[in-house]
Amino acid sequence: MRVVVLDPGVLLNAVAGEFLHQLRSPDLRFVIPQTQTLELTLWSEELPIHRNADTLVASGLIDVTPLKGEAEMQLLIDYAALAEESEAAAAALAHSRDWVLATDEIKLERQFLRKSGEKGQTVSTLRLLKDWSQVVAATAPQMSEVLRRLQSLALFSPLRSAIEYDWWLSQCKLSGIPQRGQ
């Protein structure tokens, strides 16, 4: 089974885009560190789009997983030098358990891949979105709605250096959505 640990930014994007549930399969599990559950509650109170995050956890789509033991706590400390606590916790879980890290944070991704060696794997919001579009054979109206939600609700705009950036641009163009690139 493939386990993907979502950092807070990717979780925000997945909730805003409402595409994560359609990636569910018996071979794929999504996890967030226990430290992110507080953030989910705060998001629910501050932004209307985040009400869905609690539902994702309650439905079993996302599992909440605590860090365990000294080794994972040390990894948390190591990753916290470059990232906020929840991002660092996501990297520590993925590293310690040989899971996939879902992040859009370039510095964190580089450190994760360097520290975890050849076992380390990462995905981004764009990769998950592209996978979703292929799994559901997204129509132009579906893609347009997801892109609009990502940009307006999550304020998502990928870096030009992202591997799937050209795909993102083509989808925005096909959907008639202006791109605010970085």
Protein backbone atom coordinates (compact mmCIF):
# COMPACT_ATOMS: atom_id res chain seq x y z
CA MET A 1 0.00 0.00 0.00
CA ARG A 2 1.23 3.47 -0.88
CA VAL A 3 0.93 5.98 1.98
CA VAL A 4 1.11 9.70 1.24
CA VAL A 5 1.72 12.15 4.10
CA LEU A 6 0.08 15.50 3.31
CA ASP A 7 1.75 18.64 4.58
CA PRO A 8 -0.58 21.54 5.55
CA GLY A 9 -0.24 23.36 2.21
CA VAL A 10 -1.10 20.31 0.11
CA LEU A 11 -3.97 19.48 2.48
CA LEU A 12 -5.32 23.02 2.08
CA ASN A 13 -5.12 22.74 -1.71
CA ALA A 14 -6.76 19.30 -1.74
CA VAL A 15 -9.61 20.52 0.45
CA ALA A 16 -10.11 23.68 -1.62
CA GLY A 17 -10.00 21.77 -4.90
CA GLU A 18 -12.20 18.96 -3.56
CA PHE A 19 -10.31 16.34 -5.57
CA LEU A 20 -8.62 14.14 -2.96
CA HIS A 21 -11.58 11.82 -2.31
CA GLN A 22 -11.62 10.73 -5.95
CA LEU A 23 -8.04 9.48 -5.69
CA ARG A 24 -9.02 7.03 -2.95
CA SER A 25 -8.25 3.41 -3.71
CA PRO A 26 -7.47 0.26 -1.71
CA ASP A 27 -3.80 0.77 -2.61
CA LEU A 28 -3.54 4.42 -1.51
CA ARG A 29 -3.83 5.95 1.96
CA PHE A 30 -3.55 9.63 2.93
CA VAL A 31 -2.11 10.61 6.31
CA ILE A 32 -1.56 13.82 8.23
CA PRO A 33 0.56 14.18 11.36
CA GLN A 34 -1.37 14.50 14.59
CA THR A 35 0.08 18.02 14.96
CA GLN A 36 -2.07 19.11 11.99
CA THR A 37 -5.38 18.29 13.63
CA LEU A 38 -5.28 21.57 15.57
CA GLU A 39 -4.70 23.42 12.32
CA LEU A 40 -7.73 21.74 10.78
CA THR A 41 -9.86 23.02 13.64
CA LEU A 42 -8.48 26.54 13.31
CA TRP A 43 -9.00 26.48 9.55
CA SER A 44 -12.61 25.44 10.09
CA GLU A 45 -13.21 28.54 12.18
CA GLU A 46 -11.33 30.99 9.97
CA LEU A 47 -12.06 30.00 6.37
CA PRO A 48 -15.26 28.44 5.09
CA ILE A 49 -13.49 26.05 2.70
CA HIS A 50 -11.79 24.25 5.54
CA ARG A 51 -14.95 22.86 7.03
CA ASN A 52 -14.41 19.96 4.65
CA ALA A 53 -11.07 19.01 6.25
CA ASP A 54 -12.74 17.66 9.39
CA THR A 55 -15.10 15.66 7.20
CA LEU A 56 -12.15 14.12 5.35
CA VAL A 57 -10.67 12.92 8.63
CA ALA A 58 -14.03 11.71 9.99
CA SER A 59 -14.77 9.85 6.74
CA GLY A 60 -11.53 7.92 6.96
CA LEU A 61 -10.09 9.43 3.77
CA ILE A 62 -7.28 10.96 5.82
CA ASP A 63 -5.79 9.20 8.83
CA VAL A 64 -4.31 11.17 11.70
CA THR A 65 -0.99 9.62 12.73
CA PRO A 66 1.13 10.63 15.74
CA LEU A 67 4.90 10.77 15.74
CA LYS A 68 6.32 7.95 17.85
CA GLY A 69 9.65 7.45 19.53
CA GLU A 70 12.85 9.39 19.82
CA ALA A 71 13.92 8.82 16.20
CA GLU A 72 10.80 10.48 14.78
CA MET A 73 11.04 13.32 17.29
CA GLN A 74 14.67 13.90 16.27
CA LEU A 75 13.63 13.97 12.60
CA LEU A 76 10.95 16.53 13.52
CA ILE A 77 13.62 18.71 15.11
CA ASP A 78 15.91 18.29 12.10
CA TYR A 79 13.21 19.22 9.58
CA ALA A 80 11.95 22.09 11.75
CA ALA A 81 15.15 23.98 10.90
CA LEU A 82 13.65 24.64 7.44
CA ALA A 83 9.91 24.32 7.92
CA GLU A 84 7.03 25.03 10.24
CA GLU A 85 6.12 22.36 12.79
CA SER A 86 3.34 20.65 10.81
CA GLU A 87 5.41 20.57 7.62
CA ALA A 88 8.36 19.21 9.59
CA ALA A 89 6.12 16.59 11.21
CA ALA A 90 4.88 15.47 7.79
CA ALA A 91 8.47 15.10 6.57
CA ALA A 92 9.49 13.24 9.75
CA LEU A 93 6.62 10.75 9.36
CA ALA A 94 7.31 10.15 5.69
CA HIS A 95 11.06 9.80 6.28
CA SER A 96 10.82 7.48 9.27
CA ARG A 97 8.20 5.18 7.76
CA ASP A 98 9.36 5.25 4.12
CA TRP A 99 6.12 6.94 3.05
CA VAL A 100 5.63 9.51 0.27
CA LEU A 101 5.77 13.19 1.29
CA ALA A 102 3.24 15.51 -0.38
CA THR A 103 4.62 19.05 -0.27
CA ASP A 104 4.95 22.14 -2.43
CA GLU A 105 7.77 23.52 -0.27
CA ILE A 106 10.95 23.31 -2.35
CA LYS A 107 13.41 23.61 0.55
CA LEU A 108 11.60 20.94 2.55
CA GLU A 109 11.39 18.64 -0.46
CA ARG A 110 15.12 18.98 -1.14
CA GLN A 111 16.06 18.33 2.48
CA PHE A 112 13.67 15.37 2.63
CA LEU A 113 15.12 13.78 -0.50
CA ARG A 114 18.68 14.42 0.68
CA LYS A 115 18.06 12.96 4.16
CA SER A 116 15.95 9.99 3.09
CA GLY A 117 18.19 8.95 0.20
CA GLU A 118 17.00 6.70 -2.57
CA LYS A 119 13.95 5.60 -0.56
CA GLY A 120 12.53 9.13 -0.44
CA GLN A 121 9.61 10.01 -2.70
CA THR A 122 7.64 13.23 -3.00
CA VAL A 123 4.54 14.45 -4.79
CA SER A 124 3.12 17.93 -5.15
CA THR A 125 -0.32 19.47 -5.36
CA LEU A 126 0.11 19.58 -9.13
CA ARG A 127 1.00 15.88 -9.29
CA LEU A 128 -2.05 14.94 -7.21
CA LEU A 129 -4.23 17.22 -9.34
CA LYS A 130 -2.90 15.72 -12.55
CA ASP A 131 -3.46 12.21 -11.18
CA TRP A 132 -7.03 13.21 -10.24
CA SER A 133 -7.70 14.59 -13.73
CA GLN A 134 -6.60 11.28 -15.25
CA VAL A 135 -8.46 9.06 -12.76
CA VAL A 136 -11.79 10.82 -13.31
CA ALA A 137 -11.13 11.73 -16.96
CA ALA A 138 -11.92 15.31 -15.96
CA THR A 139 -14.09 17.28 -18.33
CA ALA A 140 -13.33 20.91 -19.13
CA PRO A 141 -16.06 22.16 -16.73
CA GLN A 142 -14.78 19.91 -13.92
CA MET A 143 -11.19 21.04 -14.43
CA SER A 144 -12.25 24.67 -14.65
CA GLU A 145 -14.09 24.42 -11.32
CA VAL A 146 -11.16 22.76 -9.54
CA LEU A 147 -8.66 25.29 -10.92
CA ARG A 148 -10.94 28.17 -9.95
CA ARG A 149 -11.32 26.80 -6.41
CA LEU A 150 -7.57 26.27 -6.05
CA GLN A 151 -6.79 29.82 -7.12
CA SER A 152 -9.61 31.65 -5.37
CA LEU A 153 -10.01 29.65 -2.15
CA ALA A 154 -6.52 28.29 -1.52
CA LEU A 155 -4.72 31.13 -3.35
CA PHE A 156 -2.69 28.41 -5.07
CA SER A 157 -0.27 29.32 -7.82
CA PRO A 158 2.56 26.89 -8.58
CA LEU A 159 6.16 27.86 -9.03
CA ARG A 160 7.35 28.09 -12.63
CA SER A 161 10.01 25.50 -11.74
CA ALA A 162 7.38 22.87 -10.86
CA ILE A 163 7.64 19.74 -12.99
CA GLU A 164 3.96 19.90 -13.97
CA TYR A 165 3.95 23.69 -14.49
CA ASP A 166 3.44 23.47 -18.29
CA TRP A 167 0.54 21.09 -17.71
CA TRP A 168 -0.96 23.58 -15.21
CA LEU A 169 -0.65 26.43 -17.72
CA SER A 170 -2.29 24.41 -20.47
CA GLN A 171 -5.18 23.47 -18.15
CA CYS A 172 -5.65 27.11 -17.10
CA LYS A 173 -5.64 28.18 -20.74
CA LEU A 174 -8.13 25.48 -21.77
CA SER A 175 -10.36 26.48 -18.86
CA GLY A 176 -10.10 30.21 -19.56
CA ILE A 177 -8.64 30.86 -16.12
CA PRO A 178 -5.99 33.58 -15.87
CA GLN A 179 -2.72 32.35 -14.41
CA ARG A 180 -0.94 34.25 -11.66
CA GLY A 181 2.42 32.50 -12.02
CA GLN A 182 5.41 32.86 -9.71
